[in-house]
Amino acid sequence: MDALDPSGPAEDAMHLMAHTMGRLLQDPTATFEQITASWPRNNDQTAAEIRRWWHGW
């Protein structure tokens, strides 16, 4: 995965969600934890927010 856009958290979240949706298209049986394991570690706050949204959905 390429570097995240440094312009702000909204762009980071969009990038992570696009990555997540792409992964689900490749493997619809992937768990959220499997998908997020490949997320960059420098974006833990945005990842945590998306995890809360995902599990609350």
N, C-alpha and C. Protein backbone atom coordinates (compact mmCIF):
# COMPACT_ATOMS: atom_id res chain seq x y z
N MET A 1 0.85 -1.17 0.00
CA MET A 1 0.00 0.00 0.00
C MET A 1 0.89 1.23 0.00
N ASP A 2 0.51 2.23 -0.79
CA ASP A 2 1.33 3.42 -0.85
C ASP A 2 1.14 4.29 0.39
N ALA A 3 1.97 5.31 0.51
CA ALA A 3 1.90 6.19 1.68
C ALA A 3 0.55 6.90 1.73
N LEU A 4 0.09 7.14 2.93
CA LEU A 4 -1.18 7.83 3.09
C LEU A 4 -1.03 9.31 2.78
N ASP A 5 -2.09 9.90 2.30
CA ASP A 5 -2.13 11.32 2.01
C ASP A 5 -1.96 12.10 3.31
N PRO A 6 -0.94 12.97 3.39
CA PRO A 6 -0.70 13.70 4.63
C PRO A 6 -1.62 14.88 4.85
N SER A 7 -2.61 15.08 3.98
CA SER A 7 -3.42 16.29 4.07
C SER A 7 -4.46 16.25 5.18
N GLY A 8 -4.70 15.11 5.79
CA GLY A 8 -5.63 15.12 6.90
C GLY A 8 -6.30 13.79 7.17
N PRO A 9 -6.98 13.70 8.33
CA PRO A 9 -7.59 12.43 8.74
C PRO A 9 -8.73 11.98 7.84
N ALA A 10 -9.47 12.90 7.23
CA ALA A 10 -10.56 12.48 6.35
C ALA A 10 -10.01 11.73 5.14
N GLU A 11 -8.93 12.24 4.58
CA GLU A 11 -8.31 11.56 3.44
C GLU A 11 -7.73 10.22 3.87
N ASP A 12 -7.14 10.16 5.06
CA ASP A 12 -6.62 8.89 5.57
C ASP A 12 -7.74 7.87 5.71
N ALA A 13 -8.86 8.29 6.27
CA ALA A 13 -9.99 7.38 6.47
C ALA A 13 -10.52 6.89 5.12
N MET A 14 -10.61 7.78 4.15
CA MET A 14 -11.09 7.38 2.82
C MET A 14 -10.13 6.37 2.20
N HIS A 15 -8.84 6.59 2.37
CA HIS A 15 -7.84 5.67 1.82
C HIS A 15 -7.97 4.30 2.48
N LEU A 16 -8.10 4.27 3.79
CA LEU A 16 -8.23 2.99 4.50
C LEU A 16 -9.52 2.27 4.12
N MET A 17 -10.60 3.01 3.98
CA MET A 17 -11.87 2.36 3.61
C MET A 17 -11.80 1.83 2.18
N ALA A 18 -11.14 2.57 1.28
CA ALA A 18 -10.99 2.08 -0.09
C ALA A 18 -10.16 0.79 -0.10
N HIS A 19 -9.11 0.76 0.71
CA HIS A 19 -8.29 -0.45 0.83
C HIS A 19 -9.14 -1.61 1.36
N THR A 20 -9.97 -1.32 2.36
CA THR A 20 -10.82 -2.34 2.96
C THR A 20 -11.82 -2.89 1.95
N MET A 21 -12.48 -2.00 1.21
CA MET A 21 -13.46 -2.45 0.23
C MET A 21 -12.79 -3.26 -0.89
N GLY A 22 -11.60 -2.83 -1.31
CA GLY A 22 -10.87 -3.58 -2.33
C GLY A 22 -10.52 -4.98 -1.84
N ARG A 23 -10.12 -5.07 -0.60
CA ARG A 23 -9.78 -6.39 -0.03
C ARG A 23 -11.02 -7.27 0.06
N LEU A 24 -12.16 -6.69 0.44
CA LEU A 24 -13.39 -7.48 0.52
C LEU A 24 -13.83 -7.97 -0.85
N LEU A 25 -13.59 -7.18 -1.88
CA LEU A 25 -13.92 -7.63 -3.23
C LEU A 25 -13.05 -8.82 -3.63
N GLN A 26 -11.78 -8.81 -3.20
CA GLN A 26 -10.88 -9.92 -3.50
C GLN A 26 -11.21 -11.16 -2.69
N ASP A 27 -11.59 -10.96 -1.43
CA ASP A 27 -11.86 -12.08 -0.53
C ASP A 27 -13.03 -11.72 0.38
N PRO A 28 -14.25 -12.01 -0.06
CA PRO A 28 -15.44 -11.64 0.72
C PRO A 28 -15.51 -12.31 2.09
N THR A 29 -14.72 -13.35 2.31
CA THR A 29 -14.76 -14.04 3.60
C THR A 29 -13.73 -13.50 4.60
N ALA A 30 -12.93 -12.52 4.18
CA ALA A 30 -11.90 -11.97 5.07
C ALA A 30 -12.55 -11.30 6.27
N THR A 31 -11.94 -11.50 7.42
CA THR A 31 -12.45 -10.83 8.62
C THR A 31 -11.90 -9.41 8.67
N PHE A 32 -12.54 -8.58 9.46
CA PHE A 32 -12.08 -7.21 9.61
C PHE A 32 -10.65 -7.17 10.14
N GLU A 33 -10.34 -8.05 11.07
CA GLU A 33 -9.00 -8.10 11.65
C GLU A 33 -7.96 -8.50 10.60
N GLN A 34 -8.30 -9.43 9.71
CA GLN A 34 -7.38 -9.82 8.64
C GLN A 34 -7.12 -8.64 7.71
N ILE A 35 -8.16 -7.91 7.40
CA ILE A 35 -8.02 -6.77 6.50
C ILE A 35 -7.18 -5.67 7.14
N THR A 36 -7.47 -5.35 8.38
CA THR A 36 -6.77 -4.23 9.02
C THR A 36 -5.34 -4.58 9.40
N ALA A 37 -4.98 -5.85 9.38
CA ALA A 37 -3.60 -6.23 9.69
C ALA A 37 -2.63 -5.62 8.69
N SER A 38 -3.09 -5.33 7.48
CA SER A 38 -2.21 -4.75 6.46
C SER A 38 -2.24 -3.22 6.45
N TRP A 39 -3.04 -2.62 7.32
CA TRP A 39 -3.06 -1.16 7.39
C TRP A 39 -1.75 -0.64 7.96
N PRO A 40 -1.31 0.52 7.52
CA PRO A 40 -0.06 1.08 8.06
C PRO A 40 -0.19 1.40 9.54
N ARG A 41 0.85 1.17 10.28
CA ARG A 41 0.83 1.38 11.73
C ARG A 41 0.87 2.86 12.12
N ASN A 42 1.25 3.73 11.19
CA ASN A 42 1.32 5.15 11.52
C ASN A 42 -0.06 5.81 11.50
N ASN A 43 -1.09 5.02 11.36
CA ASN A 43 -2.43 5.58 11.24
C ASN A 43 -3.38 4.93 12.24
N ASP A 44 -2.89 4.64 13.42
CA ASP A 44 -3.66 3.89 14.40
C ASP A 44 -4.92 4.61 14.86
N GLN A 45 -4.91 5.93 14.97
CA GLN A 45 -6.11 6.64 15.44
C GLN A 45 -7.25 6.51 14.45
N THR A 46 -6.97 6.75 13.17
CA THR A 46 -8.02 6.61 12.15
C THR A 46 -8.48 5.16 12.08
N ALA A 47 -7.56 4.22 12.16
CA ALA A 47 -7.92 2.81 12.12
C ALA A 47 -8.84 2.45 13.28
N ALA A 48 -8.55 2.98 14.46
CA ALA A 48 -9.40 2.70 15.63
C ALA A 48 -10.80 3.26 15.43
N GLU A 49 -10.90 4.43 14.84
CA GLU A 49 -12.22 5.02 14.58
C GLU A 49 -13.01 4.17 13.59
N ILE A 50 -12.34 3.69 12.56
CA ILE A 50 -13.03 2.85 11.57
C ILE A 50 -13.43 1.52 12.20
N ARG A 51 -12.56 0.96 13.05
CA ARG A 51 -12.93 -0.29 13.73
C ARG A 51 -14.18 -0.09 14.58
N ARG A 52 -14.27 1.01 15.32
CA ARG A 52 -15.46 1.27 16.14
C ARG A 52 -16.70 1.38 15.26
N TRP A 53 -16.58 2.06 14.13
CA TRP A 53 -17.71 2.19 13.21
C TRP A 53 -18.10 0.82 12.67
N TRP A 54 -17.10 0.04 12.23
CA TRP A 54 -17.36 -1.26 11.61
C TRP A 54 -18.08 -2.19 12.58
N HIS A 55 -17.59 -2.28 13.80
CA HIS A 55 -18.17 -3.21 14.76
C HIS A 55 -19.50 -2.72 15.30
N GLY A 56 -19.78 -1.43 15.19
CA GLY A 56 -21.05 -0.89 15.64
C GLY A 56 -22.12 -0.92 14.55
N TRP A 57 -21.73 -1.27 13.33
CA TRP A 57 -22.61 -1.24 12.17
C TRP A 57 -23.50 -2.43 12.13
